[in-house]
C-alpha atoms as a PDB file:
ATOM      1  CA  MET A   1     -34.735  39.583  81.570  1.00  0.00           C
ATOM      2  CA  ARG A   2     -31.714  41.112  82.967  1.00  0.00           C
ATOM      3  CA  LEU A   3     -29.146  43.082  81.374  1.00  0.00           C
ATOM      4  CA  GLU A   4     -26.221  43.983  83.720  1.00  0.00           C
ATOM      5  CA  SER A   5     -23.947  46.246  82.563  1.00  0.00           C
ATOM      6  CA  GLY A   6     -20.608  47.748  83.959  1.00  0.00           C
ATOM      7  CA  VAL A   7     -16.426  48.435  83.983  1.00  0.00           C
ATOM      8  CA  ALA A   8     -14.521  45.468  84.494  1.00  0.00           C
ATOM      9  CA  VAL A   9     -10.993  45.614  85.834  1.00  0.00           C
ATOM     10  CA  PRO A  10      -8.333  42.965  86.127  1.00  0.00           C
ATOM     11  CA  LEU A  11      -7.282  42.078  88.967  1.00  0.00           C
ATOM     12  CA  THR A  12      -4.805  39.467  88.601  1.00  0.00           C
ATOM     13  CA  ASP A  13      -1.226  38.835  86.304  1.00  0.00           C
ATOM     14  CA  PRO A  14      -0.282  38.532  83.869  1.00  0.00           C
ATOM     15  CA  GLN A  15      -3.773  40.137  82.671  1.00  0.00           C
ATOM     16  CA  ALA A  16      -3.163  43.166  84.979  1.00  0.00           C
ATOM     17  CA  GLN A  17      -0.043  43.742  82.966  1.00  0.00           C
ATOM     18  CA  ARG A  18      -1.409  43.664  79.970  1.00  0.00           C
ATOM     19  CA  PHE A  19      -4.942  44.406  79.657  1.00  0.00           C
ATOM     20  CA  GLY A  20      -6.634  47.659  81.609  1.00  0.00           C
ATOM     21  CA  ALA A  21      -9.947  48.157  82.296  1.00  0.00           C
ATOM     22  CA  GLY A  22     -12.784  47.492  79.871  1.00  0.00           C
ATOM     23  CA  ALA A  23     -16.215  47.169  79.703  1.00  0.00           C
ATOM     24  CA  ALA A  24     -18.351  43.690  80.443  1.00  0.00           C
ATOM     25  CA  LEU A  25     -22.576  42.801  79.545  1.00  0.00           C
ATOM     26  CA  PHE A  26     -24.238  40.179  80.955  1.00  0.00           C
ATOM     27  CA  ILE A  27     -27.356  38.839  79.227  1.00  0.00           C
ATOM     28  CA  LYS A  28     -29.857  36.856  81.299  1.00  0.00           C
ATOM     29  CA  PRO A  29     -33.602  35.501  80.776  1.00  0.00           C
ATOM     30  CA  GLU A  30     -34.691  34.161  83.973  1.00  0.00           C
ATOM     31  CA  VAL A  31     -37.485  31.677  85.175  1.00  0.00           C
ATOM     32  CA  GLY A  32     -38.943  32.047  88.529  1.00  0.00           C
ATOM     33  CA  ILE A  33     -39.140  29.005  91.310  1.00  0.00           C
ATOM     34  CA  GLY A  34     -41.088  30.867  93.667  1.00  0.00           C
ATOM     35  CA  SER A  35     -40.807  34.261  94.710  1.00  0.00           C
ATOM     36  CA  HIS A  36     -37.152  33.973  95.955  1.00  0.00           C
ATOM     37  CA  LEU A  37     -35.270  31.872  93.256  1.00  0.00           C
ATOM     38  CA  SER A  38     -35.169  32.409  89.813  1.00  0.00           C
ATOM     39  CA  VAL A  39     -32.707  30.010  86.952  1.00  0.00           C
ATOM     40  CA  GLY A  40     -31.628  30.630  83.492  1.00  0.00           C
ATOM     41  CA  PRO A  41     -28.815  30.868  80.668  1.00  0.00           C
ATOM     42  CA  ALA A  42     -26.284  33.547  80.383  1.00  0.00           C
ATOM     43  CA  VAL A  43     -24.717  35.252  77.774  1.00  0.00           C
ATOM     44  CA  SER A  44     -21.591  37.278  78.293  1.00  0.00           C
ATOM     45  CA  ILE A  45     -19.524  39.458  77.190  1.00  0.00           C
ATOM     46  CA  MET A  46     -16.073  41.259  78.180  1.00  0.00           C
ATOM     47  CA  VAL A  47     -13.786  43.617  76.595  1.00  0.00           C
ATOM     48  CA  LEU A  48     -10.601  44.810  78.196  1.00  0.00           C
ATOM     49  CA  SER A  49      -8.270  47.408  76.928  1.00  0.00           C
ATOM     50  CA  SER A  50      -5.132  46.698  75.469  1.00  0.00           C
ATOM     51  CA  ARG A  51      -2.095  48.376  77.834  1.00  0.00           C
ATOM     52  CA  ILE A  52       0.739  47.542  75.183  1.00  0.00           C
ATOM     53  CA  ASN A  53       0.907  48.812  71.587  1.00  0.00           C
ATOM     54  CA  GLY A  54       0.308  46.164  69.292  1.00  0.00           C
ATOM     55  CA  ILE A  55      -1.934  44.036  71.247  1.00  0.00           C
ATOM     56  CA  GLU A  56      -5.197  43.475  70.472  1.00  0.00           C
ATOM     57  CA  PRO A  57      -8.365  44.695  73.380  1.00  0.00           C
ATOM     58  CA  GLY A  58      -8.727  41.242  75.355  1.00  0.00           C
ATOM     59  CA  THR A  59     -12.153  39.739  74.648  1.00  0.00           C
ATOM     60  CA  VAL A  60     -13.561  37.143  76.622  1.00  0.00           C
ATOM     61  CA  LEU A  61     -17.559  35.220  75.281  1.00  0.00           C
ATOM     62  CA  GLY A  62     -19.251  33.028  77.731  1.00  0.00           C
ATOM     63  CA  ILE A  63     -22.181  30.705  77.879  1.00  0.00           C
ATOM     64  CA  GLY A  64     -23.958  29.289  80.454  1.00  0.00           C
ATOM     65  CA  GLY A  65     -26.200  29.158  83.504  1.00  0.00           C
ATOM     66  CA  PHE A  66     -26.853  30.519  86.575  1.00  0.00           C
ATOM     67  CA  LEU A  67     -29.332  30.479  90.034  1.00  0.00           C
ATOM     68  CA  ARG A  68     -30.114  33.540  91.559  1.00  0.00           C
ATOM     69  CA  TRP A  69     -31.840  34.703  95.440  1.00  0.00           C
ATOM     70  CA  LYS A  70     -33.684  38.375  95.439  1.00  0.00           C
ATOM     71  CA  ARG A  71     -36.417  39.531  97.501  1.00  0.00           C
ATOM     72  CA  PRO A  72     -39.501  38.932  95.648  1.00  0.00           C
ATOM     73  CA  HIS A  73     -40.821  41.466  92.963  1.00  0.00           C
ATOM     74  CA  ASP A  74     -44.234  40.266  93.595  1.00  0.00           C
ATOM     75  CA  ALA A  75     -47.370  41.199  95.398  1.00  0.00           C
ATOM     76  CA  SER A  76     -45.726  39.489  98.202  1.00  0.00           C
ATOM     77  CA  ASN A  77     -43.507  42.204  98.558  1.00  0.00           C
ATOM     78  CA  GLU A  78     -45.283  45.029 100.444  1.00  0.00           C
ATOM     79  CA  GLY A  79     -42.749  48.027 100.202  1.00  0.00           C
ATOM     80  CA  VAL A  80     -43.981  51.178  97.620  1.00  0.00           C
ATOM     81  CA  GLY A  81     -40.708  52.773  95.968  1.00  0.00           C
ATOM     82  CA  PHE A  82     -37.392  52.719  97.790  1.00  0.00           C
ATOM     83  CA  SER A  83     -39.342  50.658 100.531  1.00  0.00           C
ATOM     84  CA  ALA A  84     -39.761  47.944  98.133  1.00  0.00           C
ATOM     85  CA  ALA A  85     -36.571  47.518  97.068  1.00  0.00           C
ATOM     86  CA  SER A  86     -34.600  44.115  96.021  1.00  0.00           C
ATOM     87  CA  PRO A  87     -31.431  42.739  97.567  1.00  0.00           C
ATOM     88  CA  TRP A  88     -30.397  40.513  95.588  1.00  0.00           C
ATOM     89  CA  LEU A  89     -27.263  37.800  95.297  1.00  0.00           C
ATOM     90  CA  ASP A  90     -26.096  35.352  92.345  1.00  0.00           C
ATOM     91  CA  ALA A  91     -24.172  32.589  91.343  1.00  0.00           C
ATOM     92  CA  ASP A  92     -23.047  31.615  87.380  1.00  0.00           C
ATOM     93  CA  LEU A  93     -21.377  28.680  85.941  1.00  0.00           C
ATOM     94  CA  GLN A  94     -20.260  29.300  82.025  1.00  0.00           C
ATOM     95  CA  ASP A  95     -17.685  28.041  79.171  1.00  0.00           C
ATOM     96  CA  VAL A  96     -16.269  30.965  77.944  1.00  0.00           C
ATOM     97  CA  ALA A  97     -14.068  32.060  74.942  1.00  0.00           C
ATOM     98  CA  THR A  98     -10.948  33.268  75.536  1.00  0.00           C
ATOM     99  CA  GLY A  99      -8.006  33.900  72.856  1.00  0.00           C
ATOM    100  CA  GLY A 100      -9.247  31.106  70.822  1.00  0.00           C
ATOM    101  CA  LEU A 101      -8.992  28.622  73.765  1.00  0.00           C
ATOM    102  CA  ASN A 102     -12.172  27.290  76.036  1.00  0.00           C
ATOM    103  CA  ARG A 103     -11.832  27.533  79.455  1.00  0.00           C
ATOM    104  CA  PHE A 104     -14.503  27.123  82.593  1.00  0.00           C
ATOM    105  CA  ALA A 105     -15.447  30.282  84.681  1.00  0.00           C
ATOM    106  CA  TRP A 106     -17.598  30.710  87.377  1.00  0.00           C
ATOM    107  CA  SER A 107     -18.763  34.268  89.389  1.00  0.00           C
ATOM    108  CA  VAL A 108     -20.839  35.497  92.342  1.00  0.00           C
ATOM    109  CA  ALA A 109     -22.854  38.579  92.599  1.00  0.00           C
ATOM    110  CA  GLY A 110     -24.451  41.263  94.830  1.00  0.00           C
ATOM    111  CA  GLY A 111     -26.620  44.173  94.106  1.00  0.00           C
ATOM    112  CA  VAL A 112     -30.195  45.805  94.825  1.00  0.00           C
ATOM    113  CA  SER A 113     -32.553  46.966  92.429  1.00  0.00           C
ATOM    114  CA  VAL A 114     -35.370  49.467  92.776  1.00  0.00           C
ATOM    115  CA  PRO A 115     -38.536  49.309  90.689  1.00  0.00           C
ATOM    116  CA  THR A 116     -39.148  52.784  88.843  1.00  0.00           C
ATOM    117  CA  SER A 117     -43.324  52.682  89.069  1.00  0.00           C
ATOM    118  CA  SER A 118     -45.745  51.341  91.087  1.00  0.00           C
ATOM    119  CA  ASP A 119     -46.183  49.050  88.163  1.00  0.00           C
ATOM    120  CA  ARG A 120     -43.075  47.090  88.527  1.00  0.00           C
ATOM    121  CA  ASP A 121     -41.945  46.588  85.254  1.00  0.00           C
ATOM    122  CA  LEU A 122     -38.726  48.037  85.530  1.00  0.00           C
ATOM    123  CA  TRP A 123     -36.427  47.280  88.156  1.00  0.00           C
ATOM    124  CA  ILE A 124     -33.096  49.586  87.990  1.00  0.00           C
ATOM    125  CA  GLY A 125     -30.023  49.162  90.551  1.00  0.00           C
ATOM    126  CA  PRO A 126     -26.070  48.706  91.268  1.00  0.00           C
ATOM    127  CA  PHE A 127     -24.247  45.389  91.619  1.00  0.00           C
ATOM    128  CA  LEU A 128     -20.790  44.211  92.233  1.00  0.00           C
ATOM    129  CA  ARG A 129     -19.484  41.008  90.478  1.00  0.00           C
ATOM    130  CA  TYR A 130     -16.419  38.960  91.065  1.00  0.00           C
ATOM    131  CA  ASN A 131     -15.402  36.881  88.141  1.00  0.00           C
ATOM    132  CA  ASP A 132     -13.138  33.900  87.818  1.00  0.00           C
ATOM    133  CA  VAL A 133     -11.985  32.112  84.600  1.00  0.00           C
ATOM    134  CA  TYR A 134     -10.441  29.019  85.529  1.00  0.00           C
ATOM    135  CA  GLN A 135      -7.094  27.882  83.842  1.00  0.00           C
ATOM    136  CA  LEU A 136      -5.815  24.517  83.142  1.00  0.00           C
ATOM    137  CA  ASP A 137      -2.572  23.367  83.083  1.00  0.00           C
ATOM    138  CA  GLY A 138      -0.686  24.415  79.884  1.00  0.00           C
ATOM    139  CA  LYS A 139       2.665  23.710  77.675  1.00  0.00           C
ATOM    140  CA  PRO A 140       5.569  24.764  79.974  1.00  0.00           C
ATOM    141  CA  GLY A 141       6.323  28.077  80.612  1.00  0.00           C
ATOM    142  CA  MET A 142       2.485  29.183  80.415  1.00  0.00           C
ATOM    143  CA  ASN A 143       1.213  31.125  83.378  1.00  0.00           C
ATOM    144  CA  THR A 144      -1.677  29.049  85.379  1.00  0.00           C
ATOM    145  CA  ASN A 145      -2.712  31.826  87.182  1.00  0.00           C
ATOM    146  CA  ASP A 146      -6.651  31.866  87.168  1.00  0.00           C
ATOM    147  CA  ALA A 147      -8.001  35.168  85.253  1.00  0.00           C
ATOM    148  CA  LYS A 148      -9.671  37.121  87.966  1.00  0.00           C
ATOM    149  CA  THR A 149     -11.638  40.200  87.132  1.00  0.00           C
ATOM    150  CA  LEU A 150     -13.860  42.455  89.518  1.00  0.00           C
ATOM    151  CA  ILE A 151     -17.061  43.916  87.582  1.00  0.00           C
ATOM    152  CA  LEU A 152     -18.900  47.478  88.773  1.00  0.00           C
ATOM    153  CA  GLY A 153     -22.372  48.201  87.368  1.00  0.00           C
ATOM    154  CA  VAL A 154     -26.313  49.134  87.154  1.00  0.00           C
ATOM    155  CA  SER A 155     -28.452  46.137  86.494  1.00  0.00           C
ATOM    156  CA  VAL A 156     -31.836  46.801  84.772  1.00  0.00           C
ATOM    157  CA  GLU A 157     -34.846  44.398  84.688  1.00  0.00           C
ATOM    158  CA  PHE A 158     -37.921  43.592  82.987  1.00  0.00           C
ATOM    159  CA  GLY A 159     -40.735  42.040  83.777  1.00  0.00           C
ATOM    160  CA  PRO A 160     -44.860  41.833  83.785  1.00  0.00           C
ATOM    161  CA  LYS A 161     -46.598  44.329  84.934  1.00  0.00           C
ATOM    162  CA  VAL A 162     -47.482  43.823  89.246  1.00  0.00           C
ATOM    163  CA  LYS A 163     -50.780  44.715  90.761  1.00  0.00           C
ATOM    164  CA  THR A 164     -49.600  45.966  94.520  1.00  0.00           C
ATOM    165  CA  GLU A 165     -52.468  47.138  96.850  1.00  0.00           C
ATOM    166  CA  HIS A 166     -50.177  50.793  96.192  1.00  0.00           C
ATOM    167  CA  ALA A 167     -51.025  50.597  92.599  1.00  0.00           C
ATOM    168  CA  ARG A 168     -54.930  49.702  92.384  1.00  0.00           C
ATOM    169  CA  SER A 169     -56.473  52.314  89.982  1.00  0.00           C
ATOM    170  CA  THR A 170     -60.159  51.937  91.546  1.00  0.00           C
ATOM    171  CA  PRO A 171     -60.776  51.308  94.768  1.00  0.00           C
ATOM    172  CA  LEU A 172     -61.838  47.958  95.752  1.00  0.00           C
ATOM    173  CA  PRO A 173     -65.988  47.813  96.828  1.00  0.00           C
ATOM    174  CA  LEU A 174     -67.159  48.165 100.159  1.00  0.00           C
ATOM    175  CA  PRO A 175     -69.658  45.619 100.660  1.00  0.00           C
ATOM    176  CA  PRO A 176     -73.095  46.510 100.703  1.00  0.00           C
ATOM    177  CA  VAL A 177     -74.352  48.103 103.990  1.00  0.00           C
ATOM    178  CA  GLU A 178     -78.136  47.765 105.060  1.00  0.00           C
ATOM    179  CA  PRO A 179     -79.590  50.853 105.524  1.00  0.00           C
ATOM    180  CA  LYS A 180     -79.955  52.699 109.494  1.00  0.00           C
ATOM    181  CA  THR A 181     -83.026  54.980 110.301  1.00  0.00           C
ATOM    182  CA  PRO A 182     -79.898  57.441 111.471  1.00  0.00           C
ATOM    183  CA  VAL A 183     -80.802  58.735 115.248  1.00  0.00           C
ATOM    184  CA  GLN A 184     -81.405  62.215 115.587  1.00  0.00           C
ATOM    185  CA  PRO A 185     -80.067  63.965 118.284  1.00  0.00           C
ATOM    186  CA  PRO A 186     -82.806  66.119 120.263  1.00  0.00           C
ATOM    187  CA  PRO A 187     -82.594  69.811 119.281  1.00  0.00           C
ATOM    188  CA  VAL A 188     -80.636  72.290 121.281  1.00  0.00           C
ATOM    189  CA  GLU A 189     -82.264  75.221 122.008  1.00  0.00           C
ATOM    190  CA  LYS A 190     -80.080  78.244 121.391  1.00  0.00           C
ATOM    191  CA  PRO A 191     -80.333  81.408 122.041  1.00  0.00           C
ATOM    192  CA  PRO A 192     -81.057  83.999 118.989  1.00  0.00           C
ATOM    193  CA  VAL A 193     -78.175  85.909 117.774  1.00  0.00           C
ATOM    194  CA  GLU A 194     -77.907  88.665 115.479  1.00  0.00           C
ATOM    195  CA  VAL A 195     -75.199  89.037 113.430  1.00  0.00           C
ATOM    196  CA  LEU A 196     -73.977  92.982 112.273  1.00  0.00           C
ATOM    197  CA  THR A 197     -71.135  93.242 109.997  1.00  0.00           C
ATOM    198  CA  VAL A 198     -69.215  96.423 110.805  1.00  0.00           C
ATOM    199  CA  GLU A 199     -67.452  98.510 108.341  1.00  0.00           C
ATOM    200  CA  LEU A 200     -65.336 101.493 110.601  1.00  0.00           C
ATOM    201  CA  ARG A 201     -63.584 104.145 108.888  1.00  0.00           C
ATOM    202  CA  GLN A 202     -61.197 106.777 110.336  1.00  0.00           C
ATOM    203  CA  VAL A 203     -59.181 109.191 109.114  1.00  0.00           C
ATOM    204  CA  ILE A 204     -56.003 110.168 111.288  1.00  0.00           C
ATOM    205  CA  GLN A 205     -54.302 113.817 110.748  1.00  0.00           C
ATOM    206  CA  PHE A 206     -50.226 114.225 110.661  1.00  0.00           C
ATOM    207  CA  ALA A 207     -48.262 117.562 111.203  1.00  0.00           C
ATOM    208  CA  TRP A 208     -45.929 118.444 108.172  1.00  0.00           C
ATOM    209  CA  ASP A 209     -43.102 116.062 107.290  1.00  0.00           C
ATOM    210  CA  SER A 210     -43.730 114.311 110.438  1.00  0.00           C
ATOM    211  CA  PRO A 211     -44.907 110.636 111.348  1.00  0.00           C
ATOM    212  CA  VAL A 212     -45.038 110.908 114.834  1.00  0.00           C
ATOM    213  CA  LEU A 213     -48.896 110.972 116.311  1.00  0.00           C
ATOM    214  CA  ASP A 214     -50.239 114.287 118.360  1.00  0.00           C
ATOM    215  CA  SER A 215     -52.815 113.898 120.887  1.00  0.00           C
ATOM    216  CA  ILE A 216     -55.589 114.601 118.723  1.00  0.00           C
ATOM    217  CA  ALA A 217     -54.555 111.634 116.793  1.00  0.00           C
ATOM    218  CA  SER A 218     -54.107 109.529 119.896  1.00  0.00           C
ATOM    219  CA  GLY A 219     -57.580 110.365 121.531  1.00  0.00           C
ATOM    220  CA  LEU A 220     -59.032 108.836 117.994  1.00  0.00           C
ATOM    221  CA  LEU A 221     -57.215 106.211 117.459  1.00  0.00           C
ATOM    222  CA  ASP A 222     -58.424 105.173 121.596  1.00  0.00           C
ATOM    223  CA  SER A 223     -61.768 105.904 120.566  1.00  0.00           C
ATOM    224  CA  THR A 224     -61.769 103.447 117.640  1.00  0.00           C
ATOM    225  CA  VAL A 225     -59.797 100.558 120.146  1.00  0.00           C
ATOM    226  CA  LYS A 226     -62.804 101.127 122.237  1.00  0.00           C
ATOM    227  CA  GLN A 227     -65.308 100.202 119.740  1.00  0.00           C
ATOM    228  CA  LEU A 228     -63.370  97.094 118.409  1.00  0.00           C
ATOM    229  CA  ILE A 229     -63.759  95.963 122.485  1.00  0.00           C
ATOM    230  CA  GLY A 230     -66.483  93.305 122.932  1.00  0.00           C
ATOM    231  CA  PRO A 231     -68.289  89.950 120.878  1.00  0.00           C
ATOM    232  CA  THR A 232     -66.775  90.922 117.494  1.00  0.00           C
ATOM    233  CA  ASP A 233     -65.369  89.396 115.299  1.00  0.00           C
ATOM    234  CA  LEU A 234     -62.272  91.166 113.682  1.00  0.00           C
ATOM    235  CA  LYS A 235     -61.681  90.516 110.298  1.00  0.00           C
ATOM    236  CA  GLU A 236     -58.903  93.116 108.848  1.00  0.00           C
ATOM    237  CA  ILE A 237     -57.437  96.194 109.262  1.00  0.00           C
ATOM    238  CA  ARG A 238     -56.081  98.147 106.424  1.00  0.00           C
ATOM    239  CA  ILE A 239     -54.080 101.185 107.143  1.00  0.00           C
ATOM    240  CA  GLU A 240     -52.951 103.613 104.165  1.00  0.00           C
ATOM    241  CA  GLY A 241     -50.949 106.277 104.817  1.00  0.00           C
ATOM    242  CA  HIS A 242     -50.274 109.570 102.838  1.00  0.00           C
ATOM    243  CA  ALA A 243     -48.315 112.917 102.283  1.00  0.00           C
ATOM    244  CA  SER A 244     -48.458 115.890 100.751  1.00  0.00           C
ATOM    245  CA  SER A 245     -46.657 117.164  97.611  1.00  0.00           C
ATOM    246  CA  GLU A 246     -43.451 119.047  99.044  1.00  0.00           C
ATOM    247  CA  GLY A 247     -40.258 116.999  98.890  1.00  0.00           C
ATOM    248  CA  GLU A 248     -39.248 114.486  96.444  1.00  0.00           C
ATOM    249  CA  VAL A 249     -41.336 111.236  95.575  1.00  0.00           C
ATOM    250  CA  LYS A 250     -38.883 109.214  97.397  1.00  0.00           C
ATOM    251  CA  HIS A 251     -39.169 110.624 100.697  1.00  0.00           C
ATOM    252  CA  ASN A 252     -43.065 110.925 100.906  1.00  0.00           C
ATOM    253  CA  ASP A 253     -42.872 107.969  99.975  1.00  0.00           C
ATOM    254  CA  ALA A 254     -41.195 106.752 103.108  1.00  0.00           C
ATOM    255  CA  LEU A 255     -42.789 109.164 105.223  1.00  0.00           C
ATOM    256  CA  SER A 256     -46.464 108.249 104.166  1.00  0.00           C
ATOM    257  CA  LEU A 257     -45.448 104.405 105.462  1.00  0.00           C
ATOM    258  CA  ALA A 258     -43.726 105.593 108.268  1.00  0.00           C
ATOM    259  CA  ARG A 259     -46.946 107.296 109.531  1.00  0.00           C
ATOM    260  CA  ALA A 260     -48.916 104.376 108.809  1.00  0.00           C
ATOM    261  CA  ASN A 261     -47.056 102.411 111.019  1.00  0.00           C
ATOM    262  CA  SER A 262     -47.433 104.773 113.783  1.00  0.00           C
ATOM    263  CA  VAL A 263     -51.057 104.238 113.209  1.00  0.00           C
ATOM    264  CA  LEU A 264     -50.481  99.853 113.189  1.00  0.00           C
ATOM    265  CA  ASN A 265     -48.048 100.230 116.490  1.00  0.00           C
ATOM    266  CA  PHE A 266     -50.433 102.460 118.372  1.00  0.00           C
ATOM    267  CA  LEU A 267     -53.616 100.136 117.575  1.00  0.00           C
ATOM    268  CA  GLU A 268     -51.384  96.775 118.612  1.00  0.00           C
ATOM    269  CA  ALA A 269     -50.240  98.022 121.973  1.00  0.00           C
ATOM    270  CA  HIS A 270     -54.052  98.826 123.194  1.00  0.00           C
ATOM    271  CA  GLY A 271     -54.887  95.122 122.241  1.00  0.00           C
ATOM    272  CA  VAL A 272     -55.627  95.062 118.604  1.00  0.00           C
ATOM    273  CA  PRO A 273     -53.533  91.485 117.056  1.00  0.00           C
ATOM    274  CA  ARG A 274     -51.173  92.849 114.504  1.00  0.00           C
ATOM    275  CA  GLU A 275     -51.384  89.600 112.297  1.00  0.00           C
ATOM    276  CA  LYS A 276     -55.192  90.876 111.116  1.00  0.00           C
ATOM    277  CA  MET A 277     -53.331  94.697 109.842  1.00  0.00           C
ATOM    278  CA  THR A 278     -51.569  95.578 107.116  1.00  0.00           C
ATOM    279  CA  ALA A 279     -49.930  99.172 106.028  1.00  0.00           C
ATOM    280  CA  VAL A 280     -48.845 100.501 103.123  1.00  0.00           C
ATOM    281  CA  GLY A 281     -47.888 104.586 102.050  1.00  0.00           C
ATOM    282  CA  PHE A 282     -49.171 105.840  99.013  1.00  0.00           C
ATOM    283  CA  GLY A 283     -46.687 109.012  98.973  1.00  0.00           C
ATOM    284  CA  SER A 284     -48.440 111.662  97.331  1.00  0.00           C
ATOM    285  CA  ALA A 285     -50.042 109.815  94.662  1.00  0.00           C
ATOM    286  CA  VAL A 286     -53.745 109.754  96.124  1.00  0.00           C
ATOM    287  CA  PRO A 287     -54.271 113.426  97.653  1.00  0.00           C
ATOM    288  CA  VAL A 288     -58.214 114.169  99.105  1.00  0.00           C
ATOM    289  CA  ALA A 289     -57.514 117.479  97.937  1.00  0.00           C
ATOM    290  CA  SER A 290     -55.665 120.094  96.341  1.00  0.00           C
ATOM    291  CA  ASN A 291     -52.081 120.318  96.782  1.00  0.00           C
ATOM    292  CA  ALA A 292     -51.987 124.030  95.726  1.00  0.00           C
ATOM    293  CA  THR A 293     -53.415 125.650  98.642  1.00  0.00           C
ATOM    294  CA  GLU A 294     -51.893 125.077 102.394  1.00  0.00           C
ATOM    295  CA  ALA A 295     -55.020 123.910 103.417  1.00  0.00           C
ATOM    296  CA  GLY A 296     -55.715 121.517 101.193  1.00  0.00           C
ATOM    297  CA  ARG A 297     -52.017 120.266 101.640  1.00  0.00           C
ATOM    298  CA  VAL A 298     -53.043 119.841 105.080  1.00  0.00           C
ATOM    299  CA  GLN A 299     -55.667 117.721 104.898  1.00  0.00           C
ATOM    300  CA  ASN A 300     -53.074 115.098 102.723  1.00  0.00           C
ATOM    301  CA  ARG A 301     -51.166 114.630 105.302  1.00  0.00           C
ATOM    302  CA  ARG A 302     -52.875 111.929 106.642  1.00  0.00           C
ATOM    303  CA  VAL A 303     -53.783 108.412 107.505  1.00  0.00           C
ATOM    304  CA  GLU A 304     -56.686 106.536 106.202  1.00  0.00           C
ATOM    305  CA  PHE A 305     -57.579 103.180 107.994  1.00  0.00           C
ATOM    306  CA  THR A 306     -60.700 100.654 107.282  1.00  0.00           C
ATOM    307  CA  VAL A 307     -61.666  98.149 109.972  1.00  0.00           C
ATOM    308  CA  ASN A 308     -63.909  94.845 109.036  1.00  0.00           C
ATOM    309  CA  PHE A 309     -65.573  93.298 112.127  1.00  0.00           C
ATOM    310  CA  VAL A 310     -68.337  91.332 112.973  1.00  0.00           C
ATOM    311  CA  VAL A 311     -70.447  92.062 115.741  1.00  0.00           C
ATOM    312  CA  VAL A 312     -72.609  89.312 117.194  1.00  0.00           C
ATOM    313  CA  LYS A 313     -75.382  89.978 119.791  1.00  0.00           C
ATOM    314  CA  GLU A 314     -78.187  87.942 121.592  1.00  0.00           C
ATOM    315  CA  SER A 315     -81.957  89.496 119.907  1.00  0.00           C
ATOM    316  CA  LYS A 316     -84.660  90.573 122.230  1.00  0.00           C
END
């Protein structure tokens, strides 16, 4: 079953003078002739708005038949989604009733339909139809021009579900395979290894209100880098900066992060991968000593970092 609904626009006078745009609906049950052709009856209704006060809208009722060519909707169409889109063309012949008169009409249309699911039981797409109501010889003085109309709209098609290769709910069973004795590769002797998981912790002190590494801190960091050189698998380095409680909280937060970044930059400059490191600042929120004494505040001006890595060694 195919439904075509759209906007109808008269193209020729006197209809175009008396009527404006309107709506059209075609109802078409289809019977397939192979995968590409289908035929069936067609029923149509078209209503055009009136441009003149006192004149009723124009109504055209039709009944007849059609012939249609389309890209297959069945499993022979191997596309999926938009790649399964089905262009189509059809031609109609109808007997129509307009204003108490019965006339002969013909129309041609083209469009494209796309399945809304892998089951292919609902197809939707745009179409364009040219409709011509043939004007028989009338009374003297009657306009004998054909009534020509252009219809632009959307077609909706309903049909049975189609099981394509892309819509199978379960895979096809595989043919039985005779079991074979696996061929075992010869064993490869590997030297025994010893795997050690190591966690290295280090604390770096800073001067008051400073993120700059002094010579002592640089020496400690240089020693740490040397421990990472060798058969190691570096996992993570987490660098945490801290400050004593002097100054505003916002300033201390920025200072602690700057201290952590100073350590990160030093390690990166000496060959430690930056993507293995993270730097965070805690301000004065995590003291290790009391901020009530200068000795305690000195201890709180620090960077702590933890290095996790794996050392692989050949066993003796």
